[in-house]
C-alpha atoms as a PDB file:
ATOM      1  CA  UNK A   1      65.848 179.323  56.746  1.00  0.00           C
ATOM      2  CA  UNK A   2      63.018 177.974  54.441  1.00  0.00           C
ATOM      3  CA  UNK A   3      63.465 174.090  53.291  1.00  0.00           C
ATOM      4  CA  UNK A   4      63.206 175.939  49.424  1.00  0.00           C
ATOM      5  CA  UNK A   5      65.555 178.287  49.859  1.00  0.00           C
ATOM      6  CA  UNK A   6      69.503 178.053  49.728  1.00  0.00           C
ATOM      7  CA  UNK A   7      71.856 180.619  51.932  1.00  0.00           C
ATOM      8  CA  UNK A   8      72.598 184.262  49.807  1.00  0.00           C
ATOM      9  CA  UNK A   9      76.099 182.787  48.767  1.00  0.00           C
ATOM     10  CA  UNK A  10      74.491 180.311  46.612  1.00  0.00           C
ATOM     11  CA  UNK A  11      71.188 181.325  45.572  1.00  0.00           C
ATOM     12  CA  UNK A  12      69.009 184.269  46.766  1.00  0.00           C
ATOM     13  CA  UNK A  13      65.862 182.952  45.588  1.00  0.00           C
ATOM     14  CA  UNK A  14      63.502 180.219  47.138  1.00  0.00           C
ATOM     15  CA  UNK A  15      62.193 177.719  44.710  1.00  0.00           C
ATOM     16  CA  UNK A  16      58.987 176.748  43.709  1.00  0.00           C
ATOM     17  CA  UNK A  17      58.146 173.413  45.137  1.00  0.00           C
ATOM     18  CA  UNK A  18      55.965 170.456  44.726  1.00  0.00           C
ATOM     19  CA  UNK A  19      54.237 169.173  47.383  1.00  0.00           C
ATOM     20  CA  UNK A  20      56.040 169.739  50.436  1.00  0.00           C
ATOM     21  CA  UNK A  21      57.879 166.801  52.394  1.00  0.00           C
ATOM     22  CA  UNK A  22      56.223 165.703  55.565  1.00  0.00           C
ATOM     23  CA  UNK A  23      57.970 166.893  59.167  1.00  0.00           C
ATOM     24  CA  UNK A  24      60.165 164.273  59.864  1.00  0.00           C
ATOM     25  CA  UNK A  25      61.534 164.513  56.147  1.00  0.00           C
ATOM     26  CA  UNK A  26      61.669 168.396  56.145  1.00  0.00           C
ATOM     27  CA  UNK A  27      63.853 168.337  59.329  1.00  0.00           C
ATOM     28  CA  UNK A  28      66.598 165.397  58.027  1.00  0.00           C
ATOM     29  CA  UNK A  29      66.878 167.690  54.638  1.00  0.00           C
ATOM     30  CA  UNK A  30      67.006 170.874  56.821  1.00  0.00           C
ATOM     31  CA  UNK A  31      69.705 169.160  58.491  1.00  0.00           C
ATOM     32  CA  UNK A  32      71.409 168.184  55.374  1.00  0.00           C
ATOM     33  CA  UNK A  33      71.909 171.303  54.041  1.00  0.00           C
ATOM     34  CA  UNK A  34      73.075 173.170  57.171  1.00  0.00           C
ATOM     35  CA  UNK A  35      75.676 170.928  57.598  1.00  0.00           C
ATOM     36  CA  UNK A  36      76.777 171.356  53.488  1.00  0.00           C
ATOM     37  CA  UNK A  37      76.657 174.800  53.861  1.00  0.00           C
ATOM     38  CA  UNK A  38      78.715 175.091  56.956  1.00  0.00           C
ATOM     39  CA  UNK A  39      81.209 172.466  55.163  1.00  0.00           C
ATOM     40  CA  UNK A  40      80.472 174.918  51.994  1.00  0.00           C
ATOM     41  CA  UNK A  41      81.780 177.739  53.947  1.00  0.00           C
ATOM     42  CA  UNK A  42      84.730 175.684  55.554  1.00  0.00           C
ATOM     43  CA  UNK A  43      85.638 175.085  51.515  1.00  0.00           C
ATOM     44  CA  UNK A  44      85.288 171.464  51.944  1.00  0.00           C
ATOM     45  CA  UNK A  45      83.718 171.762  49.094  1.00  0.00           C
ATOM     46  CA  UNK A  46      84.306 167.248  48.548  1.00  0.00           C
ATOM     47  CA  UNK A  47      82.609 166.691  52.037  1.00  0.00           C
ATOM     48  CA  UNK A  48      80.062 169.306  50.893  1.00  0.00           C
ATOM     49  CA  UNK A  49      78.688 167.266  47.309  1.00  0.00           C
ATOM     50  CA  UNK A  50      78.904 164.288  49.531  1.00  0.00           C
ATOM     51  CA  UNK A  51      76.423 165.525  51.333  1.00  0.00           C
ATOM     52  CA  UNK A  52      74.372 167.870  49.190  1.00  0.00           C
ATOM     53  CA  UNK A  53      73.547 164.916  47.226  1.00  0.00           C
ATOM     54  CA  UNK A  54      72.903 162.966  50.272  1.00  0.00           C
ATOM     55  CA  UNK A  55      69.968 165.805  50.602  1.00  0.00           C
ATOM     56  CA  UNK A  56      68.830 165.671  47.005  1.00  0.00           C
ATOM     57  CA  UNK A  57      68.223 161.519  48.139  1.00  0.00           C
ATOM     58  CA  UNK A  58      66.380 161.855  50.706  1.00  0.00           C
ATOM     59  CA  UNK A  59      64.310 164.573  49.039  1.00  0.00           C
ATOM     60  CA  UNK A  60      64.617 166.116  45.263  1.00  0.00           C
ATOM     61  CA  UNK A  61      64.454 169.463  45.708  1.00  0.00           C
ATOM     62  CA  UNK A  62      66.375 171.567  42.812  1.00  0.00           C
ATOM     63  CA  UNK A  63      68.199 173.787  45.214  1.00  0.00           C
ATOM     64  CA  UNK A  64      70.248 170.803  45.899  1.00  0.00           C
ATOM     65  CA  UNK A  65      71.308 170.418  42.601  1.00  0.00           C
ATOM     66  CA  UNK A  66      72.494 174.151  42.186  1.00  0.00           C
ATOM     67  CA  UNK A  67      74.167 173.379  45.697  1.00  0.00           C
ATOM     68  CA  UNK A  68      76.235 170.574  43.982  1.00  0.00           C
ATOM     69  CA  UNK A  69      77.265 172.482  41.065  1.00  0.00           C
ATOM     70  CA  UNK A  70      78.403 175.132  43.052  1.00  0.00           C
ATOM     71  CA  UNK A  71      80.574 172.870  45.030  1.00  0.00           C
ATOM     72  CA  UNK A  72      81.596 171.545  42.240  1.00  0.00           C
ATOM     73  CA  UNK A  73      82.942 174.329  40.515  1.00  0.00           C
ATOM     74  CA  UNK A  74      84.573 175.639  43.995  1.00  0.00           C
ATOM     75  CA  UNK A  75      86.132 171.976  44.190  1.00  0.00           C
ATOM     76  CA  UNK A  76      87.431 172.602  40.055  1.00  0.00           C
ATOM     77  CA  UNK A  77      85.315 169.834  38.843  1.00  0.00           C
ATOM     78  CA  UNK A  78      84.823 171.385  35.819  1.00  0.00           C
ATOM     79  CA  UNK A  79      82.603 168.134  33.763  1.00  0.00           C
ATOM     80  CA  UNK A  80      80.739 167.823  36.857  1.00  0.00           C
ATOM     81  CA  UNK A  81      79.521 170.988  37.634  1.00  0.00           C
ATOM     82  CA  UNK A  82      78.227 171.895  34.040  1.00  0.00           C
ATOM     83  CA  UNK A  83      76.012 168.851  34.355  1.00  0.00           C
ATOM     84  CA  UNK A  84      74.661 169.569  37.189  1.00  0.00           C
ATOM     85  CA  UNK A  85      74.062 173.120  36.571  1.00  0.00           C
ATOM     86  CA  UNK A  86      72.594 172.075  33.450  1.00  0.00           C
ATOM     87  CA  UNK A  87      70.311 169.411  35.300  1.00  0.00           C
ATOM     88  CA  UNK A  88      69.384 172.498  37.590  1.00  0.00           C
ATOM     89  CA  UNK A  89      68.259 174.903  34.687  1.00  0.00           C
ATOM     90  CA  UNK A  90      66.306 171.524  32.879  1.00  0.00           C
ATOM     91  CA  UNK A  91      64.648 171.557  36.512  1.00  0.00           C
ATOM     92  CA  UNK A  92      64.464 175.683  36.971  1.00  0.00           C
ATOM     93  CA  UNK A  93      64.501 176.842  33.575  1.00  0.00           C
ATOM     94  CA  UNK A  94      63.121 180.061  34.725  1.00  0.00           C
ATOM     95  CA  UNK A  95      65.345 180.669  37.641  1.00  0.00           C
ATOM     96  CA  UNK A  96      66.507 184.131  38.489  1.00  0.00           C
ATOM     97  CA  UNK A  97      69.914 183.857  38.015  1.00  0.00           C
ATOM     98  CA  UNK A  98      70.134 181.235  34.669  1.00  0.00           C
ATOM     99  CA  UNK A  99      71.535 183.875  32.868  1.00  0.00           C
ATOM    100  CA  UNK A 100      74.876 183.892  35.702  1.00  0.00           C
ATOM    101  CA  UNK A 101      74.204 179.993  35.568  1.00  0.00           C
ATOM    102  CA  UNK A 102      74.822 179.906  31.541  1.00  0.00           C
ATOM    103  CA  UNK A 103      77.799 182.004  31.596  1.00  0.00           C
ATOM    104  CA  UNK A 104      79.897 180.007  34.349  1.00  0.00           C
ATOM    105  CA  UNK A 105      78.850 177.088  32.024  1.00  0.00           C
ATOM    106  CA  UNK A 106      80.452 179.259  28.848  1.00  0.00           C
ATOM    107  CA  UNK A 107      83.309 180.075  31.234  1.00  0.00           C
ATOM    108  CA  UNK A 108      83.996 176.694  32.464  1.00  0.00           C
ATOM    109  CA  UNK A 109      83.629 174.562  28.694  1.00  0.00           C
ATOM    110  CA  UNK A 110      86.279 177.028  27.493  1.00  0.00           C
ATOM    111  CA  UNK A 111      88.737 176.829  30.623  1.00  0.00           C
ATOM    112  CA  UNK A 112      91.699 174.328  30.360  1.00  0.00           C
ATOM    113  CA  UNK A 113      91.333 170.990  31.837  1.00  0.00           C
ATOM    114  CA  UNK A 114      92.974 170.470  35.619  1.00  0.00           C
ATOM    115  CA  UNK A 115      96.190 169.536  35.998  1.00  0.00           C
ATOM    116  CA  UNK A 116      95.950 165.908  37.250  1.00  0.00           C
ATOM    117  CA  UNK A 117      97.153 164.686  40.230  1.00  0.00           C
ATOM    118  CA  UNK A 118     100.746 163.274  40.049  1.00  0.00           C
ATOM    119  CA  UNK A 119     101.389 160.107  41.770  1.00  0.00           C
ATOM    120  CA  UNK A 120     103.048 160.022  44.635  1.00  0.00           C
ATOM    121  CA  UNK A 121     106.120 158.166  45.042  1.00  0.00           C
ATOM    122  CA  UNK A 122     106.197 154.337  46.013  1.00  0.00           C
ATOM    123  CA  UNK A 123     107.138 153.858  49.933  1.00  0.00           C
ATOM    124  CA  UNK A 124     109.234 150.948  51.219  1.00  0.00           C
ATOM    125  CA  UNK A 125     107.717 148.161  52.403  1.00  0.00           C
ATOM    126  CA  UNK A 126     106.260 147.936  55.895  1.00  0.00           C
ATOM    127  CA  UNK A 127     108.875 146.754  58.890  1.00  0.00           C
ATOM    128  CA  UNK A 128     108.812 146.333  62.297  1.00  0.00           C
ATOM    129  CA  UNK A 129     108.914 149.370  64.509  1.00  0.00           C
ATOM    130  CA  UNK A 130     109.474 148.187  68.255  1.00  0.00           C
ATOM    131  CA  UNK A 131     107.664 150.467  70.998  1.00  0.00           C
ATOM    132  CA  UNK A 132     110.637 149.988  73.857  1.00  0.00           C
ATOM    133  CA  UNK A 133     108.613 150.080  77.452  1.00  0.00           C
ATOM    134  CA  UNK A 134     105.916 147.248  75.950  1.00  0.00           C
ATOM    135  CA  UNK A 135     108.739 145.431  73.620  1.00  0.00           C
ATOM    136  CA  UNK A 136     105.667 145.778  71.123  1.00  0.00           C
ATOM    137  CA  UNK A 137     106.442 146.129  67.345  1.00  0.00           C
ATOM    138  CA  UNK A 138     104.237 148.188  65.047  1.00  0.00           C
ATOM    139  CA  UNK A 139     104.733 147.627  61.468  1.00  0.00           C
ATOM    140  CA  UNK A 140     105.563 150.814  59.752  1.00  0.00           C
ATOM    141  CA  UNK A 141     102.410 150.640  57.149  1.00  0.00           C
ATOM    142  CA  UNK A 142      99.674 148.307  57.374  1.00  0.00           C
ATOM    143  CA  UNK A 143      96.004 148.120  55.908  1.00  0.00           C
ATOM    144  CA  UNK A 144      92.821 149.105  58.192  1.00  0.00           C
ATOM    145  CA  UNK A 145      89.613 148.946  56.798  1.00  0.00           C
ATOM    146  CA  UNK A 146      90.515 148.282  53.290  1.00  0.00           C
ATOM    147  CA  UNK A 147      92.759 151.321  53.359  1.00  0.00           C
ATOM    148  CA  UNK A 148      96.627 152.184  53.729  1.00  0.00           C
ATOM    149  CA  UNK A 149      98.027 153.401  56.853  1.00  0.00           C
ATOM    150  CA  UNK A 150     101.396 154.638  57.769  1.00  0.00           C
ATOM    151  CA  UNK A 151     103.042 154.973  61.575  1.00  0.00           C
ATOM    152  CA  UNK A 152     103.764 158.051  62.770  1.00  0.00           C
ATOM    153  CA  UNK A 153     104.859 157.548  65.902  1.00  0.00           C
ATOM    154  CA  UNK A 154     104.650 154.913  69.228  1.00  0.00           C
ATOM    155  CA  UNK A 155     104.512 155.243  72.496  1.00  0.00           C
ATOM    156  CA  UNK A 156     103.036 153.838  76.007  1.00  0.00           C
ATOM    157  CA  UNK A 157     100.429 154.529  78.297  1.00  0.00           C
ATOM    158  CA  UNK A 158     101.341 153.916  82.140  1.00  0.00           C
ATOM    159  CA  UNK A 159      98.907 154.200  85.985  1.00  0.00           C
ATOM    160  CA  UNK A 160     101.120 154.396  88.853  1.00  0.00           C
ATOM    161  CA  UNK A 161     104.500 153.113  87.166  1.00  0.00           C
ATOM    162  CA  UNK A 162     102.599 150.219  85.549  1.00  0.00           C
ATOM    163  CA  UNK A 163     102.383 149.676  82.302  1.00  0.00           C
ATOM    164  CA  UNK A 164      98.656 149.670  80.298  1.00  0.00           C
ATOM    165  CA  UNK A 165      99.316 149.561  76.937  1.00  0.00           C
ATOM    166  CA  UNK A 166     101.919 150.150  73.875  1.00  0.00           C
ATOM    167  CA  UNK A 167     100.352 152.264  71.193  1.00  0.00           C
ATOM    168  CA  UNK A 168     101.024 153.150  67.349  1.00  0.00           C
ATOM    169  CA  UNK A 169      99.746 156.064  65.796  1.00  0.00           C
ATOM    170  CA  UNK A 170      98.435 155.733  62.035  1.00  0.00           C
ATOM    171  CA  UNK A 171      97.501 158.281  59.179  1.00  0.00           C
ATOM    172  CA  UNK A 172      95.357 157.320  56.396  1.00  0.00           C
ATOM    173  CA  UNK A 173      98.814 157.015  53.406  1.00  0.00           C
ATOM    174  CA  UNK A 174      97.684 158.947  50.699  1.00  0.00           C
ATOM    175  CA  UNK A 175      95.777 162.210  51.853  1.00  0.00           C
ATOM    176  CA  UNK A 176      98.046 162.573  54.721  1.00  0.00           C
ATOM    177  CA  UNK A 177     101.128 162.496  52.383  1.00  0.00           C
ATOM    178  CA  UNK A 178      99.387 164.967  49.915  1.00  0.00           C
ATOM    179  CA  UNK A 179      99.055 167.111  52.703  1.00  0.00           C
ATOM    180  CA  UNK A 180     102.676 166.828  54.123  1.00  0.00           C
ATOM    181  CA  UNK A 181     104.228 169.178  52.168  1.00  0.00           C
ATOM    182  CA  UNK A 182     102.058 172.178  53.596  1.00  0.00           C
ATOM    183  CA  UNK A 183     103.039 170.928  57.104  1.00  0.00           C
ATOM    184  CA  UNK A 184     106.556 171.112  56.210  1.00  0.00           C
ATOM    185  CA  UNK A 185     106.288 174.885  54.261  1.00  0.00           C
ATOM    186  CA  UNK A 186     104.403 175.897  57.886  1.00  0.00           C
ATOM    187  CA  UNK A 187     107.240 174.584  59.774  1.00  0.00           C
ATOM    188  CA  UNK A 188     109.696 176.072  57.481  1.00  0.00           C
ATOM    189  CA  UNK A 189     111.407 172.329  56.919  1.00  0.00           C
ATOM    190  CA  UNK A 190     110.864 168.860  57.296  1.00  0.00           C
ATOM    191  CA  UNK A 191     113.263 167.792  60.122  1.00  0.00           C
ATOM    192  CA  UNK A 192     111.430 166.588  63.032  1.00  0.00           C
ATOM    193  CA  UNK A 193     112.025 169.159  65.338  1.00  0.00           C
ATOM    194  CA  UNK A 194     110.748 171.822  63.048  1.00  0.00           C
ATOM    195  CA  UNK A 195     107.726 169.523  62.733  1.00  0.00           C
ATOM    196  CA  UNK A 196     107.136 169.294  66.138  1.00  0.00           C
ATOM    197  CA  UNK A 197     107.767 173.157  66.939  1.00  0.00           C
ATOM    198  CA  UNK A 198     104.553 174.898  67.986  1.00  0.00           C
ATOM    199  CA  UNK A 199     102.699 171.558  68.110  1.00  0.00           C
ATOM    200  CA  UNK A 200     102.914 171.441  64.131  1.00  0.00           C
ATOM    201  CA  UNK A 201     102.731 168.393  63.717  1.00  0.00           C
ATOM    202  CA  UNK A 202     100.442 167.176  66.047  1.00  0.00           C
ATOM    203  CA  UNK A 203      97.769 169.905  64.922  1.00  0.00           C
ATOM    204  CA  UNK A 204      98.142 167.952  61.413  1.00  0.00           C
ATOM    205  CA  UNK A 205      97.051 164.867  62.430  1.00  0.00           C
ATOM    206  CA  UNK A 206      94.144 166.192  65.073  1.00  0.00           C
ATOM    207  CA  UNK A 207      92.614 168.506  62.390  1.00  0.00           C
ATOM    208  CA  UNK A 208      93.543 166.883  59.369  1.00  0.00           C
ATOM    209  CA  UNK A 209      91.048 165.739  56.758  1.00  0.00           C
ATOM    210  CA  UNK A 210      92.398 162.025  56.788  1.00  0.00           C
ATOM    211  CA  UNK A 211      91.552 158.467  59.019  1.00  0.00           C
ATOM    212  CA  UNK A 212      92.918 158.310  61.242  1.00  0.00           C
ATOM    213  CA  UNK A 213      93.921 154.746  63.916  1.00  0.00           C
ATOM    214  CA  UNK A 214      95.608 154.113  67.162  1.00  0.00           C
ATOM    215  CA  UNK A 215      96.466 150.839  67.562  1.00  0.00           C
ATOM    216  CA  UNK A 216      96.823 149.297  71.459  1.00  0.00           C
ATOM    217  CA  UNK A 217      98.700 146.644  72.614  1.00  0.00           C
ATOM    218  CA  UNK A 218      97.437 145.520  76.102  1.00  0.00           C
ATOM    219  CA  UNK A 219     100.542 144.690  78.930  1.00  0.00           C
ATOM    220  CA  UNK A 220      97.798 143.696  80.788  1.00  0.00           C
ATOM    221  CA  UNK A 221      94.331 142.220  81.449  1.00  0.00           C
ATOM    222  CA  UNK A 222      91.811 145.276  81.657  1.00  0.00           C
ATOM    223  CA  UNK A 223      87.886 145.015  82.187  1.00  0.00           C
ATOM    224  CA  UNK A 224      85.718 147.234  79.231  1.00  0.00           C
ATOM    225  CA  UNK A 225      84.193 148.970  82.179  1.00  0.00           C
ATOM    226  CA  UNK A 226      87.583 150.896  83.587  1.00  0.00           C
ATOM    227  CA  UNK A 227      88.310 151.139  80.053  1.00  0.00           C
ATOM    228  CA  UNK A 228      85.021 153.139  79.312  1.00  0.00           C
ATOM    229  CA  UNK A 229      85.182 154.717  82.913  1.00  0.00           C
ATOM    230  CA  UNK A 230      88.634 156.318  81.836  1.00  0.00           C
ATOM    231  CA  UNK A 231      87.268 157.393  78.738  1.00  0.00           C
ATOM    232  CA  UNK A 232      84.187 159.063  80.476  1.00  0.00           C
ATOM    233  CA  UNK A 233      86.604 161.033  82.736  1.00  0.00           C
ATOM    234  CA  UNK A 234      88.456 162.090  79.684  1.00  0.00           C
ATOM    235  CA  UNK A 235      85.957 163.438  78.055  1.00  0.00           C
ATOM    236  CA  UNK A 236      83.626 165.039  80.330  1.00  0.00           C
ATOM    237  CA  UNK A 237      83.260 167.935  79.527  1.00  0.00           C
ATOM    238  CA  UNK A 238      81.650 166.935  76.356  1.00  0.00           C
ATOM    239  CA  UNK A 239      79.389 165.264  78.857  1.00  0.00           C
ATOM    240  CA  UNK A 240      78.323 168.698  80.492  1.00  0.00           C
ATOM    241  CA  UNK A 241      74.961 169.656  80.348  1.00  0.00           C
ATOM    242  CA  UNK A 242      76.204 173.426  78.778  1.00  0.00           C
ATOM    243  CA  UNK A 243      77.218 171.229  75.917  1.00  0.00           C
ATOM    244  CA  UNK A 244      75.502 170.920  72.766  1.00  0.00           C
ATOM    245  CA  UNK A 245      72.780 167.623  73.240  1.00  0.00           C
ATOM    246  CA  UNK A 246      73.948 166.124  70.098  1.00  0.00           C
ATOM    247  CA  UNK A 247      78.018 165.968  70.868  1.00  0.00           C
ATOM    248  CA  UNK A 248      76.854 164.902  74.698  1.00  0.00           C
ATOM    249  CA  UNK A 249      74.697 162.099  72.932  1.00  0.00           C
ATOM    250  CA  UNK A 250      77.307 161.150  70.178  1.00  0.00           C
ATOM    251  CA  UNK A 251      79.857 160.859  72.911  1.00  0.00           C
ATOM    252  CA  UNK A 252      77.405 158.341  75.327  1.00  0.00           C
ATOM    253  CA  UNK A 253      77.037 156.106  71.963  1.00  0.00           C
ATOM    254  CA  UNK A 254      80.855 155.990  71.116  1.00  0.00           C
ATOM    255  CA  UNK A 255      81.664 155.225  75.286  1.00  0.00           C
ATOM    256  CA  UNK A 256      79.526 152.456  74.746  1.00  0.00           C
ATOM    257  CA  UNK A 257      81.813 150.978  72.118  1.00  0.00           C
ATOM    258  CA  UNK A 258      83.637 149.766  75.019  1.00  0.00           C
ATOM    259  CA  UNK A 259      81.892 146.968  75.744  1.00  0.00           C
ATOM    260  CA  UNK A 260      84.282 144.026  75.943  1.00  0.00           C
ATOM    261  CA  UNK A 261      87.317 143.284  78.597  1.00  0.00           C
ATOM    262  CA  UNK A 262      90.165 143.070  76.764  1.00  0.00           C
ATOM    263  CA  UNK A 263      93.478 140.800  77.697  1.00  0.00           C
ATOM    264  CA  UNK A 264      96.812 140.807  77.579  1.00  0.00           C
ATOM    265  CA  UNK A 265      98.129 140.687  74.030  1.00  0.00           C
ATOM    266  CA  UNK A 266      95.649 141.802  72.699  1.00  0.00           C
ATOM    267  CA  UNK A 267      95.214 144.536  70.550  1.00  0.00           C
ATOM    268  CA  UNK A 268      92.605 147.151  69.944  1.00  0.00           C
ATOM    269  CA  UNK A 269      92.524 149.512  66.994  1.00  0.00           C
ATOM    270  CA  UNK A 270      90.410 153.233  67.670  1.00  0.00           C
ATOM    271  CA  UNK A 271      89.959 154.760  64.829  1.00  0.00           C
ATOM    272  CA  UNK A 272      88.236 158.161  62.981  1.00  0.00           C
ATOM    273  CA  UNK A 273      87.365 158.310  59.186  1.00  0.00           C
ATOM    274  CA  UNK A 274      87.595 161.508  57.166  1.00  0.00           C
ATOM    275  CA  UNK A 275      84.016 161.744  57.235  1.00  0.00           C
ATOM    276  CA  UNK A 276      83.984 161.954  60.801  1.00  0.00           C
ATOM    277  CA  UNK A 277      83.020 158.297  61.513  1.00  0.00           C
ATOM    278  CA  UNK A 278      84.457 156.758  65.306  1.00  0.00           C
ATOM    279  CA  UNK A 279      84.917 153.355  65.702  1.00  0.00           C
ATOM    280  CA  UNK A 280      86.408 150.415  68.068  1.00  0.00           C
ATOM    281  CA  UNK A 281      87.847 146.981  67.084  1.00  0.00           C
ATOM    282  CA  UNK A 282      89.033 144.151  69.504  1.00  0.00           C
ATOM    283  CA  UNK A 283      89.996 140.737  68.108  1.00  0.00           C
ATOM    284  CA  UNK A 284      89.344 141.504  64.805  1.00  0.00           C
ATOM    285  CA  UNK A 285      85.459 142.503  65.552  1.00  0.00           C
ATOM    286  CA  UNK A 286      84.665 146.200  64.421  1.00  0.00           C
ATOM    287  CA  UNK A 287      81.989 148.902  66.075  1.00  0.00           C
ATOM    288  CA  UNK A 288      80.818 151.599  64.296  1.00  0.00           C
ATOM    289  CA  UNK A 289      79.910 154.564  66.697  1.00  0.00           C
ATOM    290  CA  UNK A 290      78.509 158.095  66.269  1.00  0.00           C
ATOM    291  CA  UNK A 291      79.677 160.201  62.970  1.00  0.00           C
ATOM    292  CA  UNK A 292      80.266 163.287  64.504  1.00  0.00           C
ATOM    293  CA  UNK A 293      84.009 165.472  63.350  1.00  0.00           C
ATOM    294  CA  UNK A 294      83.636 167.570  66.731  1.00  0.00           C
ATOM    295  CA  UNK A 295      84.228 164.305  68.636  1.00  0.00           C
ATOM    296  CA  UNK A 296      86.636 162.755  66.568  1.00  0.00           C
ATOM    297  CA  UNK A 297      88.653 165.781  67.170  1.00  0.00           C
ATOM    298  CA  UNK A 298      88.259 165.576  71.101  1.00  0.00           C
ATOM    299  CA  UNK A 299      89.508 162.140  70.804  1.00  0.00           C
ATOM    300  CA  UNK A 300      92.610 162.935  69.139  1.00  0.00           C
ATOM    301  CA  UNK A 301      93.494 165.786  71.671  1.00  0.00           C
ATOM    302  CA  UNK A 302      93.149 163.417  73.776  1.00  0.00           C
ATOM    303  CA  UNK A 303      96.714 161.386  72.309  1.00  0.00           C
ATOM    304  CA  UNK A 304      98.501 164.324  71.056  1.00  0.00           C
ATOM    305  CA  UNK A 305      96.523 167.849  71.151  1.00  0.00           C
ATOM    306  CA  UNK A 306      96.153 170.406  73.970  1.00  0.00           C
ATOM    307  CA  UNK A 307      94.317 168.027  76.817  1.00  0.00           C
ATOM    308  CA  UNK A 308      97.009 165.078  75.870  1.00  0.00           C
ATOM    309  CA  UNK A 309      96.839 162.530  78.692  1.00  0.00           C
ATOM    310  CA  UNK A 310     101.107 162.483  78.848  1.00  0.00           C
ATOM    311  CA  UNK A 311     103.482 164.767  77.227  1.00  0.00           C
ATOM    312  CA  UNK A 312     105.582 161.878  76.765  1.00  0.00           C
ATOM    313  CA  UNK A 313     102.844 160.255  74.167  1.00  0.00           C
ATOM    314  CA  UNK A 314     102.253 163.086  72.533  1.00  0.00           C
ATOM    315  CA  UNK A 315     106.014 163.776  71.142  1.00  0.00           C
ATOM    316  CA  UNK A 316     106.493 159.987  70.797  1.00  0.00           C
ATOM    317  CA  UNK A 317     102.861 159.588  68.608  1.00  0.00           C
ATOM    318  CA  UNK A 318     104.686 162.093  65.941  1.00  0.00           C
ATOM    319  CA  UNK A 319     108.312 160.683  66.105  1.00  0.00           C
ATOM    320  CA  UNK A 320     108.038 159.326  62.181  1.00  0.00           C
ATOM    321  CA  UNK A 321     106.175 161.674  60.880  1.00  0.00           C
ATOM    322  CA  UNK A 322     108.863 163.023  58.834  1.00  0.00           C
ATOM    323  CA  UNK A 323     108.555 159.289  56.924  1.00  0.00           C
ATOM    324  CA  UNK A 324     105.606 160.997  55.228  1.00  0.00           C
ATOM    325  CA  UNK A 325     107.240 162.803  52.789  1.00  0.00           C
ATOM    326  CA  UNK A 326     109.530 159.819  52.292  1.00  0.00           C
ATOM    327  CA  UNK A 327     109.895 157.451  49.401  1.00  0.00           C
ATOM    328  CA  UNK A 328     110.803 154.013  48.950  1.00  0.00           C
ATOM    329  CA  UNK A 329     114.316 155.543  46.862  1.00  0.00           C
ATOM    330  CA  UNK A 330     115.502 157.848  49.567  1.00  0.00           C
ATOM    331  CA  UNK A 331     114.770 154.867  52.306  1.00  0.00           C
ATOM    332  CA  UNK A 332     117.294 152.916  50.265  1.00  0.00           C
ATOM    333  CA  UNK A 333     119.688 155.498  50.105  1.00  0.00           C
ATOM    334  CA  UNK A 334     119.513 155.896  53.916  1.00  0.00           C
END
């Protein structure tokens, strides 16, 4: 697809450009455009907005103003959509679809304001939650990277009968709690047995559009090489020659984050953001790795998905997931 055109879904006619970008910029912008279109097609409009904004900042082709406006309209952000439609028409006053855009502006200006998002009920203060094999207490809520996370369950990893580490699974609190009612609706109830049925709870975490973190508490010394080799083996499908080169590259970049030996009693945090950035933190030192949503899904599948390293761990890491629907008042009444 030419850089100056957008997919037929958004705009069918190419734009007249001034001096074109150099090859490197063109390649970067094309990738951002393609990424934005994928997110748009998946109806991840807020993510598409960010990607199209980055594309416009890299090379200010007015087509991205239109894409941003479309994404805002689909995300039910009328004020922002109107502003970007008008910006686009100022840049391209003779656009082939100018009449259609003006019609959208008029409709958006007459539309009632979107409903405000109700605040979530307050949660109880964090309390310790014991993982019995490692004897390690995980707080039911904690802050990671400046954001609040909720504990969805605990488990442990063993090898040949020896305990390697205990693990607590956390999800970014606010977006996970807002998404939780959809899980309950799909499960037909909020009891743990219903939420676990058909791996609904596990898939909710793996595919959820929110941050996730696994906090590992080590029961013995383990070298960086052994940790890295273990993950290399578990992610071996991502390193096959038949896999997309970018995914292979990002998987290697993630494996390179395991560059420090871990001592007994230390914690390691493996985290992924909603945007798809994977990171590893040991001893309070965090190292960010690649940005790759596919890799992030593959990582959590190792813990609680179809390729889970342990069925016991897979079930344990969602044993507290009903708490996402709890409030301080509900907890007090128990």
